[in-house]
N, C-alpha and C. Protein backbone atom coordinates (compact mmCIF):
# COMPACT_ATOMS: atom_id res chain seq x y z
N MET A 1 95.09 150.67 164.62
CA MET A 1 93.53 149.99 165.30
C MET A 1 93.52 148.95 164.13
N ARG A 2 93.85 149.36 162.58
CA ARG A 2 93.38 147.88 161.88
C ARG A 2 94.25 146.90 162.77
N LEU A 3 95.71 147.25 162.99
CA LEU A 3 96.30 146.15 163.36
C LEU A 3 95.89 144.93 164.44
N PHE A 4 94.91 145.72 165.21
CA PHE A 4 94.56 145.06 166.34
C PHE A 4 93.41 144.59 166.11
N PHE A 5 92.77 144.92 165.39
CA PHE A 5 91.81 144.36 165.05
C PHE A 5 92.06 143.24 164.56
N LEU A 6 93.08 143.26 163.55
CA LEU A 6 93.66 141.68 162.91
C LEU A 6 93.82 141.08 163.63
N ALA A 7 94.78 141.04 164.80
CA ALA A 7 95.15 140.16 165.80
C ALA A 7 94.31 139.49 166.57
N LEU A 8 93.25 140.34 167.09
CA LEU A 8 91.56 139.96 167.54
C LEU A 8 91.22 139.28 166.80
N CYS A 9 90.75 138.98 165.69
CA CYS A 9 90.35 137.97 164.97
C CYS A 9 91.04 136.94 164.86
N LEU A 10 92.35 137.17 164.35
CA LEU A 10 93.21 135.64 164.25
C LEU A 10 93.26 135.01 166.06
N TRP A 11 93.45 135.87 167.17
CA TRP A 11 93.31 135.13 167.95
C TRP A 11 92.11 134.26 168.68
N ILE A 12 91.19 135.15 168.08
CA ILE A 12 89.88 134.19 168.56
C ILE A 12 89.90 133.37 167.00
N GLY A 13 90.34 133.11 166.21
CA GLY A 13 90.53 132.30 165.25
C GLY A 13 91.35 131.11 165.95
N VAL A 14 92.56 131.68 166.39
CA VAL A 14 93.38 130.32 166.78
C VAL A 14 92.64 129.94 168.37
N SER A 15 91.91 130.38 168.86
CA SER A 15 91.56 129.98 169.92
C SER A 15 90.53 129.25 169.68
N THR A 16 89.88 129.03 168.45
CA THR A 16 88.77 127.80 168.21
C THR A 16 89.33 127.31 166.86
N THR A 17 90.33 127.09 166.30
CA THR A 17 90.16 126.38 165.30
C THR A 17 92.39 125.76 165.47
N VAL A 18 92.91 125.01 165.88
CA VAL A 18 94.19 124.47 165.76
C VAL A 18 94.35 123.59 164.94
N SER A 19 95.55 123.38 164.12
CA SER A 19 96.22 123.04 163.13
C SER A 19 95.76 120.94 163.42
N MET A 20 95.79 120.40 162.75
CA MET A 20 95.88 118.94 163.00
C MET A 20 96.80 118.32 162.27
N PRO A 21 98.60 118.22 162.13
CA PRO A 21 98.87 117.80 160.99
C PRO A 21 99.35 116.66 162.21
N THR A 22 99.81 115.52 161.11
CA THR A 22 99.98 114.26 161.81
C THR A 22 101.40 114.03 162.71
N HIS A 23 102.04 115.39 162.67
CA HIS A 23 103.39 115.45 163.74
C HIS A 23 103.27 116.46 165.04
N ALA A 24 101.99 116.65 165.16
CA ALA A 24 101.82 117.36 166.22
C ALA A 24 100.66 117.12 166.79
N SER A 25 100.40 117.04 168.17
CA SER A 25 99.42 117.14 168.82
C SER A 25 98.29 117.80 169.16
N SER A 26 97.04 117.63 168.93
CA SER A 26 95.89 118.47 168.52
C SER A 26 95.70 119.14 169.80
N LEU A 27 95.17 120.32 170.38
CA LEU A 27 94.90 120.53 171.81
C LEU A 27 93.60 120.87 171.58
N SER A 28 92.76 120.76 172.96
CA SER A 28 91.22 121.37 172.96
C SER A 28 91.28 122.77 173.64
N PRO A 29 90.34 123.35 173.41
CA PRO A 29 90.38 124.52 173.78
C PRO A 29 90.83 124.52 175.14
N GLU A 30 90.05 123.81 175.99
CA GLU A 30 90.30 123.37 177.54
C GLU A 30 91.70 123.43 177.77
N GLN A 31 92.88 122.50 177.06
CA GLN A 31 94.25 122.69 176.75
C GLN A 31 94.85 123.85 176.82
N ARG A 32 94.10 124.48 175.59
CA ARG A 32 95.09 126.25 175.35
C ARG A 32 94.89 126.84 176.22
N ARG A 33 93.44 127.27 176.86
CA ARG A 33 93.93 127.40 178.11
C ARG A 33 94.65 127.26 179.22
N GLU A 34 94.35 126.00 179.70
CA GLU A 34 95.38 125.61 180.82
C GLU A 34 97.02 126.09 179.94
N ALA A 35 97.38 125.96 179.08
CA ALA A 35 98.48 125.77 179.06
C ALA A 35 98.84 127.82 178.66
N ARG A 36 98.22 128.44 178.63
CA ARG A 36 97.84 130.09 178.71
C ARG A 36 98.06 130.43 180.11
N HIS A 37 97.51 129.81 181.08
CA HIS A 37 97.05 130.06 182.37
C HIS A 37 98.19 129.71 182.91
N ARG A 38 98.97 128.85 182.85
CA ARG A 38 100.66 128.11 183.28
C ARG A 38 101.86 128.83 182.65
N GLY A 39 101.63 129.50 181.41
CA GLY A 39 102.49 130.61 181.06
C GLY A 39 103.32 129.82 180.12
N ASP A 40 102.43 128.75 179.23
CA ASP A 40 103.34 128.17 177.98
C ASP A 40 103.25 128.73 177.10
N ILE A 41 102.14 129.57 176.93
CA ILE A 41 101.18 129.81 175.90
C ILE A 41 101.62 131.50 176.16
N LYS A 42 101.81 132.68 174.93
CA LYS A 42 101.46 133.96 174.92
C LYS A 42 100.18 134.10 174.54
N PRO A 43 99.62 135.25 174.77
CA PRO A 43 98.96 135.61 173.74
C PRO A 43 98.97 136.26 172.02
N LEU A 44 98.46 135.36 171.06
CA LEU A 44 98.75 135.49 169.94
C LEU A 44 99.50 137.17 169.53
N ARG A 45 98.23 138.07 170.39
CA ARG A 45 98.52 139.38 169.79
C ARG A 45 99.76 139.82 170.35
N TRP A 46 100.64 139.66 171.24
CA TRP A 46 101.65 139.90 172.20
C TRP A 46 102.71 139.50 171.20
N VAL A 47 102.89 137.80 170.74
CA VAL A 47 103.73 137.49 169.67
C VAL A 47 104.22 138.34 168.36
N LEU A 48 102.09 138.79 168.26
CA LEU A 48 103.16 139.88 166.32
C LEU A 48 103.53 140.78 166.53
N ARG A 49 103.21 141.20 168.50
CA ARG A 49 103.77 142.74 168.41
C ARG A 49 105.77 142.45 168.70
N GLN A 50 105.88 141.50 169.21
CA GLN A 50 106.83 141.14 169.08
C GLN A 50 108.28 140.80 167.74
N ILE A 51 107.38 139.97 166.81
CA ILE A 51 108.35 139.65 165.66
C ILE A 51 107.98 140.77 164.77
N HIS A 52 107.15 141.63 164.69
CA HIS A 52 106.67 142.64 163.65
C HIS A 52 107.70 143.67 163.61
N HIS A 53 108.41 144.33 164.12
CA HIS A 53 109.70 144.98 163.44
C HIS A 53 110.81 143.75 162.71
N GLN A 54 111.22 142.72 163.19
CA GLN A 54 111.80 142.12 162.27
C GLN A 54 111.04 141.37 161.56
N TYR A 55 109.71 141.11 161.30
CA TYR A 55 109.05 140.65 159.63
C TYR A 55 107.78 141.25 159.69
N PRO A 56 107.90 142.22 158.97
CA PRO A 56 106.61 143.23 159.17
C PRO A 56 105.34 142.58 157.93
N GLY A 57 104.58 142.66 157.90
CA GLY A 57 103.63 142.12 156.98
C GLY A 57 102.22 141.92 157.28
N ARG A 58 101.71 141.36 156.20
CA ARG A 58 100.08 141.18 156.74
C ARG A 58 99.77 139.75 157.24
N VAL A 59 98.87 139.55 157.87
CA VAL A 59 98.65 137.64 158.51
C VAL A 59 98.06 137.36 158.20
N LEU A 60 98.29 136.40 157.07
CA LEU A 60 97.28 135.48 156.34
C LEU A 60 96.73 134.86 157.29
N ASP A 61 97.68 133.80 158.04
CA ASP A 61 97.09 132.27 158.76
C ASP A 61 97.64 132.23 159.83
N VAL A 62 97.19 131.68 160.89
CA VAL A 62 97.87 130.92 162.10
C VAL A 62 97.31 129.97 162.66
N ASP A 63 98.33 129.03 162.53
CA ASP A 63 97.72 127.80 163.25
C ASP A 63 98.90 127.36 164.70
N LEU A 64 98.15 126.86 165.64
CA LEU A 64 99.44 126.31 167.13
C LEU A 64 99.42 125.30 167.19
N ASP A 65 100.20 124.32 167.35
CA ASP A 65 100.78 123.51 167.24
C ASP A 65 101.82 122.83 168.50
N ARG A 66 101.52 121.80 169.17
CA ARG A 66 102.09 120.94 170.34
C ARG A 66 103.56 120.44 169.55
N HIS A 67 105.14 120.65 169.43
CA HIS A 67 105.98 119.33 169.52
C HIS A 67 106.90 119.40 170.26
N HIS A 68 106.94 118.01 170.98
CA HIS A 68 107.49 117.61 171.82
C HIS A 68 107.56 118.52 173.42
N HIS A 69 106.54 118.99 173.44
CA HIS A 69 106.50 119.58 175.03
C HIS A 69 106.68 121.23 174.65
N GLN A 70 106.56 121.47 172.94
CA GLN A 70 106.98 123.44 173.11
C GLN A 70 105.51 123.76 172.54
N TYR A 71 105.45 124.68 172.75
CA TYR A 71 104.04 125.40 171.73
C TYR A 71 104.95 125.78 170.35
N ILE A 72 103.90 125.80 169.37
CA ILE A 72 104.96 126.96 168.34
C ILE A 72 103.52 127.28 167.55
N TYR A 73 103.66 128.67 167.54
CA TYR A 73 102.73 129.20 166.48
C TYR A 73 103.28 129.29 164.86
N LYS A 74 102.98 128.63 163.92
CA LYS A 74 102.81 128.88 162.91
C LYS A 74 102.36 130.02 161.82
N ILE A 75 103.31 130.83 161.50
CA ILE A 75 102.72 132.03 160.86
C ILE A 75 102.73 132.61 160.26
N ARG A 76 102.11 132.67 158.91
CA ARG A 76 102.59 133.20 157.29
C ARG A 76 101.75 134.30 156.94
N LEU A 77 102.65 135.11 156.56
CA LEU A 77 102.78 136.56 156.45
C LEU A 77 102.92 136.62 154.69
N LEU A 78 101.88 137.43 154.18
CA LEU A 78 102.38 138.27 152.85
C LEU A 78 103.34 140.11 153.36
N GLN A 79 104.75 139.91 152.71
CA GLN A 79 104.82 141.19 152.34
C GLN A 79 105.06 141.68 151.65
N HIS A 80 105.78 142.52 151.47
CA HIS A 80 105.57 143.87 150.52
C HIS A 80 106.51 143.15 149.44
N GLY A 81 106.34 143.36 147.69
CA GLY A 81 106.99 142.38 146.82
C GLY A 81 106.21 141.21 146.35
N GLY A 82 104.97 140.97 147.41
CA GLY A 82 104.37 139.27 147.02
C GLY A 82 105.38 138.24 147.78
N TYR A 83 105.77 138.45 148.65
CA TYR A 83 106.82 137.54 149.36
C TYR A 83 105.90 137.10 150.31
N VAL A 84 105.70 135.27 150.60
CA VAL A 84 104.62 135.16 151.48
C VAL A 84 105.77 134.46 152.56
N LEU A 85 105.96 134.40 153.76
CA LEU A 85 106.67 134.20 155.24
C LEU A 85 105.89 133.03 155.51
N LYS A 86 106.61 132.34 155.59
CA LYS A 86 106.06 130.99 156.70
C LYS A 86 107.00 130.79 158.28
N LEU A 87 106.71 131.73 159.43
CA LEU A 87 107.24 131.69 160.24
C LEU A 87 107.04 130.73 161.67
N TYR A 88 107.81 129.77 162.34
CA TYR A 88 107.95 129.29 163.00
C TYR A 88 108.65 130.01 164.87
N VAL A 89 107.29 130.00 165.17
CA VAL A 89 107.45 131.17 166.50
C VAL A 89 107.40 130.30 167.96
N ASP A 90 108.03 130.16 168.82
CA ASP A 90 108.05 129.88 169.93
C ASP A 90 106.67 130.82 170.62
N ALA A 91 105.91 130.17 171.02
CA ALA A 91 104.45 130.53 171.48
C ALA A 91 104.88 131.05 172.97
N ARG A 92 105.82 131.16 173.78
CA ARG A 92 106.03 131.18 175.14
C ARG A 92 107.12 132.41 174.73
N THR A 93 108.01 132.41 173.91
CA THR A 93 109.06 133.61 174.11
C THR A 93 109.17 134.05 172.89
N ALA A 94 108.42 134.09 171.85
CA ALA A 94 107.79 134.58 170.58
C ALA A 94 109.66 134.37 170.13
N GLU A 95 110.36 133.49 170.23
CA GLU A 95 111.47 133.56 169.31
C GLU A 95 111.24 132.94 168.24
N VAL A 96 111.29 133.15 166.91
CA VAL A 96 111.76 132.64 165.84
C VAL A 96 112.45 131.80 165.69
N LEU A 97 112.17 130.90 165.23
CA LEU A 97 112.66 129.31 165.44
C LEU A 97 113.00 128.87 163.95
N LYS A 98 112.25 128.87 163.04
CA LYS A 98 112.40 128.77 161.61
C LYS A 98 111.90 129.64 160.64
N VAL A 99 112.24 129.80 159.11
CA VAL A 99 111.32 130.70 158.51
C VAL A 99 111.72 130.63 157.29
N LYS A 100 110.25 130.11 156.33
CA LYS A 100 110.68 129.92 155.04
C LYS A 100 110.02 131.28 154.44
N SER A 101 110.52 130.99 153.21
CA SER A 101 109.71 132.39 151.87
C SER A 101 109.58 131.87 150.76
N ARG A 102 108.53 131.93 149.64
CA ARG A 102 108.54 131.62 148.99
C ARG A 102 107.62 133.28 148.32
N LYS A 103 108.05 133.09 146.88
CA LYS A 103 106.90 134.44 146.24
C LYS A 103 105.53 133.65 146.03
N ALA A 104 104.67 134.53 146.12
CA ALA A 104 103.08 134.48 146.23
C ALA A 104 103.00 134.53 144.75
N GLN A 105 102.09 132.98 144.36
CA GLN A 105 101.46 132.95 143.31
C GLN A 105 99.92 133.69 142.95
N ARG A 106 100.15 134.42 142.06
CA ARG A 106 98.95 135.00 141.47
C ARG A 106 97.88 134.15 140.76
N LYS A 107 96.46 134.43 141.14
CA LYS A 107 95.80 133.32 140.44
C LYS A 107 94.89 134.03 139.69
């Protein structure tokens, strides 16, 4: 139940905010909605369920970008042992395209 609530909160966050790096195109809420209806984007909750068995952890942050006609979820996870993973995941297939790992810094 807790994971469901967290995923729901993240989906709301993703649907209202999209990162705007210079190498990716920003999507309006209407563009995201249309992409979802076309099947270009799966719900974040579905994507998180698909990757959870291979990449367990607490979701810290999620961004949605578009790179060359492909939608990418950038998901940051905190894993056991204090490692932070940054996953680049195809928003349509949930295929993990790239993984970056680093030890979390304590403040």
